[in-house]
């Protein structure tokens, strides 16, 4: 604290300059969307689903989140199924991996034309992220930034870009970050995926970091994370799935294992994995891989979220499921419904009232 105390012994302009320089040293460090260096870790918290949801009537914001590795295939029928006919949610978030070169955005806009408009997008070749909101909802946006981070390799050359795209948005005074990623494939590349998660986390929005920006209320991370079921052969795993005992496979899930070890996603939440593993299917069917590789089915496609301050905001998960009727890809899409409720004392108006009433 020596620099701060110097103002007491220095008068006038010189003292003020020294104080300002000392104050600048107290700026917050650039954000990271996961921090493995905490003294303790809690891994990924599995949360149950509250099926009783009346959406916006008892919530400040309801969000529908979809992630899908498209395997380069698309049809309007699949997009319409992805969007669905019941649209009581406020924001619709779509993260796509291995998206084809067709104009996916145009198909999404056609499917949503009656209810929602595009608020923001972040794209990096086949890796795409879109945020849609109700008509006239652009009036509620106070900030919107996009960023992307490539993790290299030849993926871009063959149309399967790896990395992450992100959107940071302040909507109705709720500061949110959405990250859609596609990480390295293959069961043995666990360390590579861990490194990619951390590198993406530290790199996004770091170039134009504003130390005085409002902190994020919630971070939602979605995509083809490519963590596999490991430590069990494919036939025993498939037998459990056929008997609807696939929840027993969660103990073999690399993502949950690595989070439990404190390597990634500390403090994040995820719904219970009640749906079947979403990869790898024979394209055009609901049959698991029958190629010569006969891959072990895995939950590669996930939606995770983290509330930065549970005293200020409450999140309730109302559904977390795969969309098994979509057959065109070797992945099944995953959809989640999440509703947010702000503590009244955390809203800007109440904060101002509290400041003026404080002694």
Protein backbone atom coordinates (compact mmCIF):
# COMPACT_ATOMS: atom_id res chain seq x y z
CA UNK A 1 0.00 0.00 0.00
CA UNK A 2 3.04 2.30 -0.16
CA UNK A 3 1.91 3.97 -3.39
CA UNK A 4 -1.54 4.75 -2.01
CA UNK A 5 -0.13 6.21 1.18
CA UNK A 6 2.17 8.57 -0.69
CA UNK A 7 -0.70 10.96 -1.29
CA UNK A 8 -0.71 11.73 2.44
CA UNK A 9 2.82 13.18 2.26
CA UNK A 10 2.56 14.85 -1.15
CA UNK A 11 0.48 17.95 -1.73
CA UNK A 12 -1.20 19.36 -4.82
CA UNK A 13 -1.03 18.03 -8.36
CA UNK A 14 1.92 15.71 -7.77
CA UNK A 15 0.07 13.88 -5.04
CA UNK A 16 -3.05 13.51 -7.20
CA UNK A 17 -1.02 12.10 -10.11
CA UNK A 18 0.64 9.56 -7.84
CA UNK A 19 -2.74 8.53 -6.46
CA UNK A 20 -4.17 8.07 -9.97
CA UNK A 21 -1.22 5.92 -10.99
CA UNK A 22 -1.66 3.79 -7.87
CA UNK A 23 -5.39 3.45 -8.51
CA UNK A 24 -4.73 2.24 -12.06
CA UNK A 25 -2.77 -0.67 -10.62
CA UNK A 26 -5.92 -1.90 -8.89
CA UNK A 27 -7.85 -2.61 -12.11
CA UNK A 28 -9.35 -6.06 -12.38
CA UNK A 29 -7.49 -8.71 -14.31
CA UNK A 30 -8.93 -9.81 -17.67
CA UNK A 31 -11.78 -12.27 -17.27
CA UNK A 32 -11.42 -16.01 -17.50
CA UNK A 33 -14.49 -18.18 -17.96
CA UNK A 34 -12.96 -20.98 -15.88
CA UNK A 35 -10.34 -20.87 -13.16
CA UNK A 36 -8.52 -24.07 -12.20
CA UNK A 37 -6.25 -22.32 -9.67
CA UNK A 38 -8.76 -21.93 -6.86
CA UNK A 39 -7.85 -23.40 -3.49
CA UNK A 40 -10.73 -25.87 -3.73
CA UNK A 41 -12.79 -27.20 -6.60
CA UNK A 42 -16.33 -28.47 -6.87
CA UNK A 43 -16.30 -29.87 -10.41
CA UNK A 44 -19.49 -29.72 -12.47
CA UNK A 45 -22.60 -29.59 -10.31
CA UNK A 46 -25.38 -31.81 -11.65
CA UNK A 47 -28.73 -30.05 -11.29
CA UNK A 48 -32.19 -31.50 -11.59
CA UNK A 49 -34.84 -30.32 -14.01
CA UNK A 50 -37.90 -28.40 -12.84
CA UNK A 51 -40.55 -29.47 -15.32
CA UNK A 52 -43.08 -26.91 -14.06
CA UNK A 53 -42.21 -23.85 -16.10
CA UNK A 54 -44.52 -21.01 -17.01
CA UNK A 55 -41.58 -19.24 -18.61
CA UNK A 56 -41.51 -15.46 -18.39
CA UNK A 57 -44.37 -14.93 -15.92
CA UNK A 58 -42.19 -15.74 -12.90
CA UNK A 59 -38.78 -15.10 -14.47
CA UNK A 60 -36.87 -12.09 -15.73
CA UNK A 61 -35.46 -13.99 -18.69
CA UNK A 62 -36.04 -17.43 -20.25
CA UNK A 63 -33.47 -18.84 -22.64
CA UNK A 64 -33.66 -21.78 -25.04
CA UNK A 65 -30.19 -23.11 -25.91
CA UNK A 66 -29.41 -25.58 -28.71
CA UNK A 67 -26.10 -27.10 -29.73
CA UNK A 68 -25.72 -29.29 -32.80
CA UNK A 69 -22.84 -30.75 -34.78
CA UNK A 70 -24.44 -30.84 -38.23
CA UNK A 71 -21.82 -33.04 -39.94
CA UNK A 72 -22.12 -30.81 -43.03
CA UNK A 73 -25.79 -31.70 -43.61
CA UNK A 74 -28.90 -29.52 -43.44
CA UNK A 75 -32.54 -29.42 -44.44
CA UNK A 76 -35.22 -26.87 -43.66
CA UNK A 77 -37.26 -29.60 -41.97
CA UNK A 78 -34.42 -30.20 -39.50
CA UNK A 79 -34.08 -26.48 -38.80
CA UNK A 80 -37.83 -26.19 -38.21
CA UNK A 81 -37.65 -29.15 -35.81
CA UNK A 82 -34.67 -27.55 -34.08
CA UNK A 83 -36.56 -24.30 -33.53
CA UNK A 84 -39.82 -25.98 -32.50
CA UNK A 85 -43.34 -24.59 -32.53
CA UNK A 86 -43.63 -23.56 -28.85
CA UNK A 87 -41.69 -20.33 -28.46
CA UNK A 88 -42.49 -18.93 -25.05
CA UNK A 89 -38.79 -18.31 -24.41
CA UNK A 90 -37.23 -14.86 -24.67
CA UNK A 91 -33.81 -15.65 -26.17
CA UNK A 92 -33.04 -18.48 -28.57
CA UNK A 93 -29.35 -19.44 -28.69
CA UNK A 94 -28.09 -21.73 -31.47
CA UNK A 95 -24.52 -23.05 -31.52
CA UNK A 96 -23.54 -25.05 -34.61
CA UNK A 97 -20.46 -27.08 -35.43
CA UNK A 98 -19.53 -28.51 -38.83
CA UNK A 99 -22.24 -26.33 -40.35
CA UNK A 100 -22.47 -26.62 -44.15
CA UNK A 101 -21.82 -23.71 -46.46
CA UNK A 102 -25.52 -23.24 -47.11
CA UNK A 103 -27.01 -20.12 -45.59
CA UNK A 104 -27.97 -21.56 -42.20
CA UNK A 105 -28.80 -18.11 -40.87
CA UNK A 106 -31.39 -17.58 -43.60
CA UNK A 107 -33.07 -20.89 -42.78
CA UNK A 108 -33.14 -20.03 -39.09
CA UNK A 109 -34.63 -16.61 -39.82
CA UNK A 110 -37.34 -18.17 -42.01
CA UNK A 111 -38.22 -20.66 -39.27
CA UNK A 112 -38.36 -17.90 -36.62
CA UNK A 113 -39.86 -15.13 -38.76
CA UNK A 114 -43.16 -14.94 -36.87
CA UNK A 115 -41.70 -14.58 -33.39
CA UNK A 116 -37.98 -13.75 -33.23
CA UNK A 117 -35.31 -11.58 -34.85
CA UNK A 118 -31.53 -11.91 -35.00
CA UNK A 119 -29.78 -9.97 -32.24
CA UNK A 120 -26.20 -11.11 -32.75
CA UNK A 121 -23.99 -13.65 -34.47
CA UNK A 122 -20.42 -14.92 -34.23
CA UNK A 123 -19.05 -17.18 -36.95
CA UNK A 124 -15.75 -18.81 -37.85
CA UNK A 125 -16.29 -20.93 -40.96
CA UNK A 126 -18.23 -24.05 -39.88
CA UNK A 127 -18.39 -22.91 -36.24
CA UNK A 128 -21.40 -20.62 -35.74
CA UNK A 129 -23.34 -18.99 -32.91
CA UNK A 130 -26.60 -17.04 -33.20
CA UNK A 131 -28.69 -15.14 -30.64
CA UNK A 132 -32.35 -14.48 -31.45
CA UNK A 133 -34.83 -12.44 -29.43
CA UNK A 134 -38.51 -11.44 -29.66
CA UNK A 135 -39.46 -8.72 -32.12
CA UNK A 136 -38.41 -5.28 -30.82
CA UNK A 137 -36.15 -6.96 -28.27
CA UNK A 138 -33.17 -5.08 -29.73
CA UNK A 139 -34.41 -2.15 -27.63
CA UNK A 140 -33.28 -4.03 -24.50
CA UNK A 141 -29.67 -4.47 -25.63
CA UNK A 142 -27.15 -2.23 -23.87
CA UNK A 143 -24.02 -4.01 -25.03
CA UNK A 144 -23.16 -6.65 -27.63
CA UNK A 145 -19.68 -7.88 -28.47
CA UNK A 146 -18.44 -10.89 -30.42
CA UNK A 147 -15.14 -12.73 -30.46
CA UNK A 148 -13.63 -15.95 -31.77
CA UNK A 149 -10.61 -18.11 -31.13
CA UNK A 150 -9.16 -20.78 -33.41
CA UNK A 151 -7.22 -23.71 -32.01
CA UNK A 152 -5.46 -24.39 -35.30
CA UNK A 153 -4.98 -27.62 -37.17
CA UNK A 154 -6.32 -28.58 -40.58
CA UNK A 155 -9.97 -28.44 -39.56
CA UNK A 156 -10.55 -25.20 -41.43
CA UNK A 157 -9.24 -26.68 -44.66
CA UNK A 158 -11.69 -29.59 -44.60
CA UNK A 159 -14.61 -27.51 -43.32
CA UNK A 160 -14.48 -28.67 -39.71
CA UNK A 161 -13.04 -25.71 -37.86
CA UNK A 162 -12.01 -26.21 -34.23
CA UNK A 163 -12.07 -23.47 -31.62
CA UNK A 164 -14.77 -21.23 -30.20
CA UNK A 165 -17.00 -18.30 -31.07
CA UNK A 166 -18.59 -16.12 -28.40
CA UNK A 167 -21.15 -13.38 -27.85
CA UNK A 168 -21.24 -11.10 -24.82
CA UNK A 169 -24.55 -9.30 -24.40
CA UNK A 170 -26.25 -7.10 -21.83
CA UNK A 171 -29.95 -7.81 -22.24
CA UNK A 172 -32.50 -6.37 -19.80
CA UNK A 173 -29.60 -5.53 -17.46
CA UNK A 174 -28.46 -9.16 -17.36
CA UNK A 175 -24.84 -9.50 -18.47
CA UNK A 176 -24.36 -12.81 -20.31
CA UNK A 177 -21.61 -14.59 -22.21
CA UNK A 178 -22.40 -17.40 -24.66
CA UNK A 179 -19.52 -19.59 -25.86
CA UNK A 180 -19.96 -22.20 -28.59
CA UNK A 181 -16.99 -24.48 -29.16
CA UNK A 182 -15.73 -27.50 -31.10
CA UNK A 183 -12.79 -29.20 -29.41
CA UNK A 184 -10.32 -31.86 -30.54
CA UNK A 185 -11.69 -35.31 -31.28
CA UNK A 186 -10.66 -38.83 -30.16
CA UNK A 187 -10.85 -40.41 -26.73
CA UNK A 188 -7.12 -40.21 -25.98
CA UNK A 189 -6.90 -36.42 -26.47
CA UNK A 190 -8.20 -35.49 -23.03
CA UNK A 191 -5.22 -33.28 -22.17
CA UNK A 192 -5.55 -31.45 -25.49
CA UNK A 193 -9.22 -30.73 -24.80
CA UNK A 194 -8.41 -29.50 -21.29
CA UNK A 195 -5.77 -27.17 -22.68
CA UNK A 196 -8.11 -25.90 -25.39
CA UNK A 197 -10.80 -25.12 -22.80
CA UNK A 198 -8.39 -23.10 -20.70
CA UNK A 199 -6.82 -21.34 -23.69
CA UNK A 200 -10.22 -20.38 -25.11
CA UNK A 201 -11.33 -19.19 -21.68
CA UNK A 202 -8.36 -16.88 -21.25
CA UNK A 203 -8.31 -15.62 -24.85
CA UNK A 204 -11.93 -14.62 -25.51
CA UNK A 205 -12.59 -10.88 -25.14
CA UNK A 206 -9.07 -10.34 -23.78
CA UNK A 207 -7.88 -7.98 -26.55
CA UNK A 208 -10.37 -5.22 -25.79
CA UNK A 209 -10.80 -5.95 -22.10
CA UNK A 210 -12.40 -3.11 -20.18
CA UNK A 211 -11.42 -3.38 -16.49
CA UNK A 212 -14.39 -1.21 -15.54
CA UNK A 213 -17.00 -3.22 -17.45
CA UNK A 214 -19.88 -4.73 -15.54
CA UNK A 215 -19.11 -8.29 -14.38
CA UNK A 216 -20.83 -11.20 -16.10
CA UNK A 217 -23.94 -12.57 -14.38
CA UNK A 218 -23.96 -15.89 -16.25
CA UNK A 219 -21.72 -17.76 -18.67
CA UNK A 220 -23.26 -20.45 -20.89
CA UNK A 221 -20.84 -22.81 -22.63
CA UNK A 222 -22.22 -25.11 -25.33
CA UNK A 223 -20.93 -27.18 -28.20
CA UNK A 224 -19.27 -30.38 -29.32
CA UNK A 225 -16.78 -30.61 -26.46
CA UNK A 226 -15.76 -34.07 -27.74
CA UNK A 227 -15.16 -35.61 -24.30
CA UNK A 228 -15.88 -39.31 -24.53
CA UNK A 229 -17.05 -42.28 -22.49
CA UNK A 230 -13.83 -44.06 -21.67
CA UNK A 231 -12.89 -47.20 -19.77
CA UNK A 232 -15.65 -49.42 -21.15
CA UNK A 233 -15.84 -51.28 -24.46
CA UNK A 234 -18.46 -50.37 -27.02
CA UNK A 235 -20.67 -53.48 -26.71
CA UNK A 236 -21.10 -53.33 -22.91
CA UNK A 237 -21.84 -49.61 -23.25
CA UNK A 238 -24.44 -50.25 -25.96
CA UNK A 239 -26.04 -53.00 -23.90
CA UNK A 240 -26.58 -50.53 -21.05
CA UNK A 241 -28.07 -48.00 -23.48
CA UNK A 242 -30.45 -50.62 -24.96
CA UNK A 243 -31.69 -51.41 -21.44
CA UNK A 244 -32.17 -47.66 -20.69
CA UNK A 245 -29.40 -47.90 -18.11
CA UNK A 246 -27.18 -45.33 -19.83
CA UNK A 247 -27.02 -43.15 -16.69
CA UNK A 248 -24.59 -45.77 -15.36
CA UNK A 249 -22.16 -44.55 -18.03
CA UNK A 250 -21.81 -41.10 -16.46
CA UNK A 251 -19.06 -42.45 -14.18
CA UNK A 252 -17.04 -43.10 -17.37
CA UNK A 253 -17.64 -39.62 -18.82
CA UNK A 254 -14.35 -37.79 -19.39
CA UNK A 255 -15.85 -34.30 -19.01
CA UNK A 256 -17.24 -35.03 -15.54
CA UNK A 257 -14.02 -36.80 -14.56
CA UNK A 258 -11.76 -33.94 -15.63
CA UNK A 259 -13.99 -31.38 -13.92
CA UNK A 260 -13.97 -33.45 -10.72
CA UNK A 261 -10.16 -33.42 -10.82
CA UNK A 262 -10.29 -29.62 -10.95
CA UNK A 263 -8.88 -29.28 -14.46
CA UNK A 264 -11.86 -27.62 -16.19
CA UNK A 265 -15.30 -26.04 -15.66
CA UNK A 266 -14.98 -25.53 -11.94
CA UNK A 267 -18.28 -24.28 -10.51
CA UNK A 268 -20.30 -24.88 -13.68
CA UNK A 269 -23.69 -26.60 -13.65
CA UNK A 270 -25.21 -29.15 -16.02
CA UNK A 271 -28.51 -30.94 -16.14
CA UNK A 272 -28.66 -34.65 -15.39
CA UNK A 273 -27.66 -36.78 -18.38
CA UNK A 274 -30.95 -38.64 -18.68
CA UNK A 275 -30.81 -38.77 -22.47
CA UNK A 276 -28.81 -41.28 -24.48
CA UNK A 277 -25.27 -40.46 -25.68
CA UNK A 278 -25.52 -38.16 -28.69
CA UNK A 279 -22.57 -39.50 -30.76
CA UNK A 280 -21.82 -41.40 -32.96
CA UNK A 281 -24.85 -42.38 -35.03
CA UNK A 282 -25.09 -43.64 -38.59
CA UNK A 283 -26.26 -40.56 -40.50
CA UNK A 284 -29.92 -40.80 -41.41
CA UNK A 285 -30.80 -43.16 -38.58
CA UNK A 286 -30.95 -43.64 -34.82
CA UNK A 287 -28.52 -46.54 -34.94
CA UNK A 288 -25.11 -46.16 -33.34
CA UNK A 289 -21.94 -46.38 -35.44
CA UNK A 290 -21.63 -49.60 -37.45
CA UNK A 291 -18.45 -48.59 -39.29
CA UNK A 292 -15.25 -50.54 -38.78
CA UNK A 293 -14.39 -48.19 -35.88
CA UNK A 294 -17.57 -49.12 -33.96
CA UNK A 295 -17.09 -46.11 -31.67
CA UNK A 296 -18.21 -46.13 -28.05
CA UNK A 297 -21.33 -43.90 -27.84
CA UNK A 298 -20.54 -40.67 -25.98
CA UNK A 299 -22.09 -37.46 -24.68
CA UNK A 300 -19.92 -35.19 -26.81
CA UNK A 301 -22.58 -32.46 -27.07
CA UNK A 302 -23.22 -30.46 -23.90
CA UNK A 303 -24.69 -27.29 -22.40
CA UNK A 304 -23.05 -25.95 -19.21
CA UNK A 305 -23.74 -22.78 -17.28
CA UNK A 306 -22.19 -20.85 -14.41
CA UNK A 307 -23.79 -18.19 -12.22
CA UNK A 308 -21.09 -15.79 -11.07
CA UNK A 309 -23.02 -14.47 -8.06
CA UNK A 310 -25.82 -16.68 -6.76
CA UNK A 311 -26.89 -13.90 -4.38
CA UNK A 312 -27.80 -11.69 -7.34
CA UNK A 313 -29.31 -14.13 -9.80
CA UNK A 314 -31.04 -17.49 -9.67
CA UNK A 315 -31.09 -19.96 -12.56
CA UNK A 316 -33.63 -22.77 -12.95
CA UNK A 317 -33.17 -25.50 -15.55
CA UNK A 318 -36.50 -26.58 -17.02
CA UNK A 319 -35.32 -29.14 -19.57
CA UNK A 320 -32.14 -30.79 -20.81
CA UNK A 321 -32.61 -33.30 -23.60
CA UNK A 322 -31.42 -34.62 -26.93
CA UNK A 323 -33.50 -34.24 -30.09
CA UNK A 324 -33.59 -37.81 -31.33
CA UNK A 325 -36.01 -37.23 -34.21
CA UNK A 326 -33.36 -35.28 -36.16
CA UNK A 327 -31.49 -37.89 -38.19
CA UNK A 328 -29.36 -36.11 -40.80
CA UNK A 329 -26.14 -35.88 -38.75
CA UNK A 330 -24.02 -38.39 -36.85
CA UNK A 331 -24.74 -36.24 -33.76
CA UNK A 332 -28.08 -35.56 -32.08
CA UNK A 333 -28.78 -31.94 -31.15
CA UNK A 334 -29.03 -31.08 -27.45
CA UNK A 335 -31.53 -28.52 -26.16
CA UNK A 336 -31.81 -26.83 -22.77
CA UNK A 337 -34.34 -24.39 -21.29
CA UNK A 338 -32.98 -22.07 -18.62
CA UNK A 339 -34.87 -19.34 -16.75
CA UNK A 340 -33.19 -16.53 -14.81
CA UNK A 341 -34.52 -14.50 -11.91
CA UNK A 342 -32.71 -11.38 -10.69
CA UNK A 343 -32.65 -10.48 -7.03
CA UNK A 344 -34.58 -7.19 -6.84
CA UNK A 345 -31.83 -5.58 -4.79
CA UNK A 346 -29.37 -6.23 -7.64
CA UNK A 347 -31.29 -4.26 -10.27
CA UNK A 348 -29.82 -0.83 -11.17
CA UNK A 349 -32.83 1.06 -9.78
CA UNK A 350 -32.75 -0.73 -6.44
CA UNK A 351 -28.97 -0.35 -6.23
CA UNK A 352 -29.35 3.39 -6.66
CA UNK A 353 -32.09 3.56 -4.02
CA UNK A 354 -29.97 1.50 -1.64
CA UNK A 355 -26.96 3.80 -2.20
CA UNK A 356 -28.96 6.92 -1.37
CA UNK A 357 -30.53 5.31 1.71
CA UNK A 358 -27.23 3.98 3.05
CA UNK A 359 -25.86 5.91 6.05
